Amino acid sequence: MTVFDRLHQGEHIDIRDADYQREVHGEIDRCDHLCWQLRQTDPAAKQRLVELENELFNGQIKDGTYLTPPMSVDCASQMTLGKTSTSTTTSR
């Protein structure tokens, strides 16, 4: 189970914990680097921007989703973009 899974389950984790340092700081470093690349990319290079954004957000950039650099994201692997499904109940 990852540190992110443990956090989602409500577990308290000391930020000095070795697993936290490795996993969370590794994700922050990954995101920092990709955000830097996005900021350095020519705005006219739309396909390259989409490629980098998909790398950042694990393939979530689909038709109709558009982000405009410059931006900064710390833990993109924990973000969900786009529509979410909600269930509704109807009473009679």
N, C-alpha and C. Protein backbone atom coordinates (compact mmCIF):
# COMPACT_ATOMS: atom_id res chain seq x y z
N MET A 1 0.85 -1.17 0.00
CA MET A 1 0.00 0.00 0.00
C MET A 1 0.90 1.24 0.00
N THR A 2 0.57 2.18 -0.87
CA THR A 2 1.39 3.39 -0.98
C THR A 2 1.05 4.37 0.15
N VAL A 3 1.91 5.33 0.34
CA VAL A 3 1.66 6.39 1.31
C VAL A 3 0.39 7.14 0.93
N PHE A 4 0.17 7.35 -0.37
CA PHE A 4 -1.04 8.04 -0.81
C PHE A 4 -2.29 7.24 -0.45
N ASP A 5 -2.23 5.92 -0.60
CA ASP A 5 -3.36 5.08 -0.21
C ASP A 5 -3.62 5.21 1.29
N ARG A 6 -2.55 5.17 2.05
CA ARG A 6 -2.70 5.28 3.51
C ARG A 6 -3.29 6.63 3.90
N LEU A 7 -2.86 7.70 3.23
CA LEU A 7 -3.41 9.02 3.52
C LEU A 7 -4.89 9.10 3.15
N HIS A 8 -5.25 8.51 2.00
CA HIS A 8 -6.65 8.50 1.58
C HIS A 8 -7.53 7.75 2.57
N GLN A 9 -6.96 6.79 3.26
CA GLN A 9 -7.72 6.03 4.26
C GLN A 9 -7.75 6.75 5.61
N GLY A 10 -7.16 7.93 5.67
CA GLY A 10 -7.22 8.72 6.89
C GLY A 10 -6.09 8.49 7.87
N GLU A 11 -5.11 7.70 7.47
CA GLU A 11 -3.99 7.43 8.36
C GLU A 11 -3.12 8.68 8.50
N HIS A 12 -2.65 8.92 9.68
CA HIS A 12 -1.72 10.02 9.92
C HIS A 12 -0.31 9.50 9.71
N ILE A 13 0.46 10.24 8.92
CA ILE A 13 1.83 9.81 8.61
C ILE A 13 2.77 10.97 8.91
N ASP A 14 3.80 10.68 9.66
CA ASP A 14 4.82 11.66 9.97
C ASP A 14 5.59 11.99 8.69
N ILE A 15 5.70 13.26 8.37
CA ILE A 15 6.37 13.64 7.13
C ILE A 15 7.87 13.32 7.14
N ARG A 16 8.39 12.92 8.29
CA ARG A 16 9.79 12.49 8.36
C ARG A 16 9.92 11.00 8.05
N ASP A 17 8.79 10.29 7.91
CA ASP A 17 8.77 8.86 7.60
C ASP A 17 9.49 8.62 6.27
N ALA A 18 10.33 7.59 6.21
CA ALA A 18 11.14 7.32 5.01
C ALA A 18 10.26 7.04 3.79
N ASP A 19 9.17 6.30 3.97
CA ASP A 19 8.27 6.04 2.84
C ASP A 19 7.64 7.33 2.34
N TYR A 20 7.21 8.19 3.26
CA TYR A 20 6.63 9.47 2.88
C TYR A 20 7.66 10.28 2.09
N GLN A 21 8.85 10.37 2.62
CA GLN A 21 9.89 11.15 1.95
C GLN A 21 10.13 10.64 0.53
N ARG A 22 10.23 9.32 0.37
CA ARG A 22 10.51 8.74 -0.93
C ARG A 22 9.34 8.92 -1.90
N GLU A 23 8.14 8.55 -1.47
CA GLU A 23 6.99 8.55 -2.38
C GLU A 23 6.45 9.96 -2.66
N VAL A 24 6.19 10.70 -1.63
CA VAL A 24 5.58 12.01 -1.81
C VAL A 24 6.58 12.99 -2.41
N HIS A 25 7.78 13.03 -1.88
CA HIS A 25 8.76 13.95 -2.44
C HIS A 25 9.18 13.53 -3.85
N GLY A 26 9.15 12.24 -4.13
CA GLY A 26 9.41 11.77 -5.49
C GLY A 26 8.35 12.26 -6.46
N GLU A 27 7.09 12.23 -6.03
CA GLU A 27 5.99 12.73 -6.86
C GLU A 27 6.07 14.24 -7.02
N ILE A 28 6.41 14.94 -5.97
CA ILE A 28 6.57 16.40 -6.06
C ILE A 28 7.70 16.75 -7.04
N ASP A 29 8.81 16.04 -6.95
CA ASP A 29 9.92 16.29 -7.87
C ASP A 29 9.52 16.00 -9.32
N ARG A 30 8.78 14.91 -9.56
CA ARG A 30 8.31 14.56 -10.90
C ARG A 30 7.43 15.69 -11.45
N CYS A 31 6.51 16.16 -10.63
CA CYS A 31 5.59 17.22 -11.05
C CYS A 31 6.32 18.55 -11.28
N ASP A 32 7.25 18.87 -10.39
CA ASP A 32 8.03 20.10 -10.56
C ASP A 32 8.75 20.11 -11.89
N HIS A 33 9.36 18.98 -12.24
CA HIS A 33 10.11 18.90 -13.49
C HIS A 33 9.18 19.03 -14.69
N LEU A 34 8.05 18.33 -14.67
CA LEU A 34 7.12 18.42 -15.80
C LEU A 34 6.49 19.80 -15.91
N CYS A 35 6.19 20.45 -14.81
CA CYS A 35 5.67 21.82 -14.85
C CYS A 35 6.72 22.77 -15.42
N TRP A 36 7.97 22.55 -15.07
CA TRP A 36 9.06 23.37 -15.63
C TRP A 36 9.13 23.18 -17.14
N GLN A 37 9.02 21.91 -17.60
CA GLN A 37 9.03 21.64 -19.04
C GLN A 37 7.84 22.32 -19.73
N LEU A 38 6.68 22.26 -19.10
CA LEU A 38 5.50 22.92 -19.67
C LEU A 38 5.71 24.43 -19.81
N ARG A 39 6.30 25.02 -18.79
CA ARG A 39 6.55 26.47 -18.82
C ARG A 39 7.56 26.85 -19.90
N GLN A 40 8.45 25.93 -20.27
CA GLN A 40 9.49 26.19 -21.27
C GLN A 40 9.04 25.88 -22.68
N THR A 41 7.84 25.34 -22.85
CA THR A 41 7.36 24.92 -24.17
C THR A 41 6.63 26.06 -24.87
N ASP A 42 6.93 26.23 -26.14
CA ASP A 42 6.29 27.26 -26.95
C ASP A 42 4.77 27.04 -26.93
N PRO A 43 3.99 28.07 -26.62
CA PRO A 43 2.53 27.93 -26.58
C PRO A 43 1.93 27.47 -27.91
N ALA A 44 2.64 27.68 -29.02
CA ALA A 44 2.15 27.23 -30.32
C ALA A 44 2.35 25.73 -30.52
N ALA A 45 3.16 25.10 -29.68
CA ALA A 45 3.43 23.66 -29.78
C ALA A 45 2.37 22.88 -29.02
N LYS A 46 1.14 22.97 -29.51
CA LYS A 46 -0.02 22.40 -28.80
C LYS A 46 0.13 20.92 -28.52
N GLN A 47 0.59 20.15 -29.51
CA GLN A 47 0.71 18.70 -29.32
C GLN A 47 1.72 18.38 -28.23
N ARG A 48 2.83 19.10 -28.20
CA ARG A 48 3.85 18.86 -27.16
C ARG A 48 3.29 19.20 -25.78
N LEU A 49 2.51 20.29 -25.69
CA LEU A 49 1.89 20.65 -24.42
C LEU A 49 0.96 19.54 -23.94
N VAL A 50 0.16 19.00 -24.85
CA VAL A 50 -0.77 17.91 -24.48
C VAL A 50 0.02 16.68 -24.04
N GLU A 51 1.11 16.37 -24.72
CA GLU A 51 1.94 15.22 -24.33
C GLU A 51 2.48 15.39 -22.91
N LEU A 52 3.02 16.56 -22.62
CA LEU A 52 3.56 16.82 -21.28
C LEU A 52 2.47 16.80 -20.23
N GLU A 53 1.31 17.40 -20.55
CA GLU A 53 0.19 17.40 -19.60
C GLU A 53 -0.30 15.98 -19.34
N ASN A 54 -0.33 15.14 -20.37
CA ASN A 54 -0.73 13.75 -20.17
C ASN A 54 0.28 12.99 -19.33
N GLU A 55 1.55 13.31 -19.50
CA GLU A 55 2.57 12.67 -18.65
C GLU A 55 2.38 13.12 -17.19
N LEU A 56 2.09 14.39 -17.01
CA LEU A 56 1.88 14.93 -15.67
C LEU A 56 0.65 14.32 -15.01
N PHE A 57 -0.46 14.24 -15.75
CA PHE A 57 -1.73 13.80 -15.19
C PHE A 57 -2.10 12.37 -15.57
N ASN A 58 -1.12 11.55 -15.88
CA ASN A 58 -1.34 10.12 -16.15
C ASN A 58 -2.40 9.86 -17.20
N GLY A 59 -2.30 10.56 -18.33
CA GLY A 59 -3.17 10.29 -19.46
C GLY A 59 -4.58 10.83 -19.36
N GLN A 60 -4.84 11.77 -18.48
CA GLN A 60 -6.19 12.27 -18.29
C GLN A 60 -6.58 13.42 -19.22
N ILE A 61 -5.66 13.92 -20.03
CA ILE A 61 -5.98 15.05 -20.90
C ILE A 61 -6.66 14.50 -22.15
N LYS A 62 -7.96 14.71 -22.22
CA LYS A 62 -8.78 14.23 -23.34
C LYS A 62 -9.32 15.43 -24.11
N ASP A 63 -10.03 15.14 -25.18
CA ASP A 63 -10.68 16.22 -25.94
C ASP A 63 -11.53 17.05 -25.00
N GLY A 64 -11.37 18.35 -25.10
CA GLY A 64 -12.16 19.25 -24.26
C GLY A 64 -11.48 19.63 -22.96
N THR A 65 -10.38 18.97 -22.61
CA THR A 65 -9.62 19.34 -21.42
C THR A 65 -8.41 20.12 -21.89
N TYR A 66 -8.26 21.32 -21.37
CA TYR A 66 -7.15 22.16 -21.79
C TYR A 66 -6.61 22.92 -20.59
N LEU A 67 -5.33 22.88 -20.42
CA LEU A 67 -4.66 23.61 -19.35
C LEU A 67 -3.76 24.66 -19.99
N THR A 68 -3.60 25.77 -19.31
CA THR A 68 -2.78 26.84 -19.85
C THR A 68 -1.58 27.09 -18.94
N PRO A 69 -0.38 26.71 -19.39
CA PRO A 69 0.80 27.05 -18.61
C PRO A 69 0.97 28.56 -18.57
N PRO A 70 1.60 29.15 -17.61
CA PRO A 70 2.36 28.47 -16.54
C PRO A 70 1.43 27.98 -15.44
N MET A 71 1.82 26.90 -14.86
CA MET A 71 1.07 26.33 -13.75
C MET A 71 2.04 25.56 -12.86
N SER A 72 1.58 25.27 -11.68
CA SER A 72 2.37 24.49 -10.75
C SER A 72 1.46 23.50 -10.05
N VAL A 73 1.84 22.24 -10.07
CA VAL A 73 1.07 21.17 -9.46
C VAL A 73 2.04 20.31 -8.66
N ASP A 74 1.70 20.02 -7.41
CA ASP A 74 2.61 19.23 -6.57
C ASP A 74 2.44 17.72 -6.73
N CYS A 75 1.23 17.22 -6.64
CA CYS A 75 0.99 15.77 -6.65
C CYS A 75 -0.08 15.44 -7.68
N ALA A 76 0.25 15.60 -8.95
CA ALA A 76 -0.71 15.41 -10.03
C ALA A 76 -1.23 13.98 -10.09
N SER A 77 -0.45 13.02 -9.64
CA SER A 77 -0.91 11.62 -9.68
C SER A 77 -2.11 11.40 -8.78
N GLN A 78 -2.38 12.34 -7.89
CA GLN A 78 -3.51 12.21 -6.97
C GLN A 78 -4.72 13.04 -7.39
N MET A 79 -4.62 13.64 -8.58
CA MET A 79 -5.71 14.49 -9.07
C MET A 79 -6.52 13.75 -10.12
N THR A 80 -7.81 14.04 -10.16
CA THR A 80 -8.69 13.51 -11.19
C THR A 80 -9.23 14.69 -11.98
N LEU A 81 -9.10 14.62 -13.29
CA LEU A 81 -9.60 15.68 -14.16
C LEU A 81 -10.82 15.18 -14.92
N GLY A 82 -11.72 16.07 -15.21
CA GLY A 82 -12.87 15.72 -16.03
C GLY A 82 -14.09 15.41 -15.20
N LYS A 83 -15.05 14.79 -15.85
CA LYS A 83 -16.31 14.48 -15.22
C LYS A 83 -16.15 13.38 -14.18
N THR A 84 -16.93 13.49 -13.13
CA THR A 84 -16.98 12.42 -12.15
C THR A 84 -18.38 11.84 -12.19
N SER A 85 -18.51 10.59 -11.89
CA SER A 85 -19.85 9.99 -11.90
C SER A 85 -20.45 10.15 -10.52
N THR A 86 -21.70 10.48 -10.50
CA THR A 86 -22.42 10.59 -9.25
C THR A 86 -23.67 9.75 -9.37
N SER A 87 -24.04 9.13 -8.30
CA SER A 87 -25.26 8.34 -8.33
C SER A 87 -26.37 9.15 -7.65
N THR A 88 -27.53 9.04 -8.23
CA THR A 88 -28.67 9.70 -7.65
C THR A 88 -29.78 8.69 -7.47
N THR A 89 -30.58 8.91 -6.48
CA THR A 89 -31.72 8.04 -6.26
C THR A 89 -32.98 8.85 -6.37
N THR A 90 -33.99 8.22 -6.84
CA THR A 90 -35.27 8.89 -7.00
C THR A 90 -36.30 8.18 -6.12
N SER A 91 -37.03 8.95 -5.38
CA SER A 91 -38.08 8.35 -4.57
C SER A 91 -39.42 8.67 -5.20
N ARG A 92 -40.39 7.76 -5.04
CA ARG A 92 -41.73 7.97 -5.59
C ARG A 92 -42.71 8.17 -4.49
